[in-house]
Amino acid sequence: MARTAKRYKKNTEKKIPGIPVCMAAIYARLSVDNDEKKSESIETQVTLIKEFI
């Protein structure tokens, strides 16, 4: 059986009048490099995106 309790939960975030609220998602992916380059970890990517947002 699917869980539905959270679906009906009311949004309790306080909105400040005059400031628009936008939803955003973070997309990070791990690539495999064949040429021995050090690739960015998932944690590093998420941290950088959060700082940008």
Protein backbone atom coordinates (compact mmCIF):
# COMPACT_ATOMS: atom_id res chain seq x y z
CA MET A 1 0.00 0.00 0.00
CA ALA A 2 1.33 3.44 -0.91
CA ARG A 3 2.02 6.01 1.78
CA THR A 4 -0.19 9.05 1.41
CA ALA A 5 0.17 10.88 4.73
CA LYS A 6 2.78 13.36 3.45
CA ARG A 7 0.74 14.15 0.36
CA TYR A 8 -1.96 15.82 2.44
CA LYS A 9 0.40 17.58 4.83
CA LYS A 10 0.03 21.35 4.63
CA ASN A 11 2.97 23.53 3.69
CA THR A 12 4.12 25.24 6.88
CA GLU A 13 6.80 27.46 5.34
CA LYS A 14 6.31 31.15 5.97
CA LYS A 15 6.26 33.29 2.87
CA ILE A 16 7.53 36.85 2.92
CA PRO A 17 5.26 39.22 0.97
CA GLY A 18 6.91 40.67 -2.11
CA ILE A 19 9.61 37.98 -2.40
CA PRO A 20 8.82 35.30 -4.98
CA VAL A 21 9.41 31.68 -3.96
CA CYS A 22 10.77 29.27 -6.54
CA MET A 23 11.41 25.56 -6.34
CA ALA A 24 14.70 24.17 -7.63
CA ALA A 25 16.25 20.76 -8.01
CA ILE A 26 19.88 19.70 -7.92
CA TYR A 27 21.19 17.35 -10.58
CA ALA A 28 24.57 15.74 -10.01
CA ARG A 29 26.08 12.79 -11.82
CA LEU A 30 29.18 10.70 -11.59
CA SER A 31 31.14 10.11 -14.78
CA VAL A 32 33.85 7.55 -15.34
CA ASP A 33 36.99 9.04 -16.87
CA ASN A 34 39.37 6.82 -18.80
CA ASP A 35 42.24 9.28 -18.83
CA GLU A 36 43.03 9.21 -15.05
CA LYS A 37 41.65 12.74 -14.45
CA LYS A 38 40.35 13.45 -10.98
CA SER A 39 36.59 13.84 -11.29
CA GLU A 40 34.36 15.87 -9.00
CA SER A 41 32.61 13.77 -6.36
CA ILE A 42 28.84 13.84 -5.97
CA GLU A 43 29.19 15.58 -2.60
CA THR A 44 31.38 18.31 -4.12
CA GLN A 45 28.95 18.88 -6.97
CA VAL A 46 25.97 19.19 -4.62
CA THR A 47 27.88 21.57 -2.33
CA LEU A 48 28.86 23.82 -5.25
CA ILE A 49 25.29 23.92 -6.57
CA LYS A 50 23.87 24.71 -3.11
CA GLU A 51 26.32 27.59 -2.73
CA PHE A 52 25.33 28.92 -6.15
CA ILE A 53 21.62 28.75 -5.37
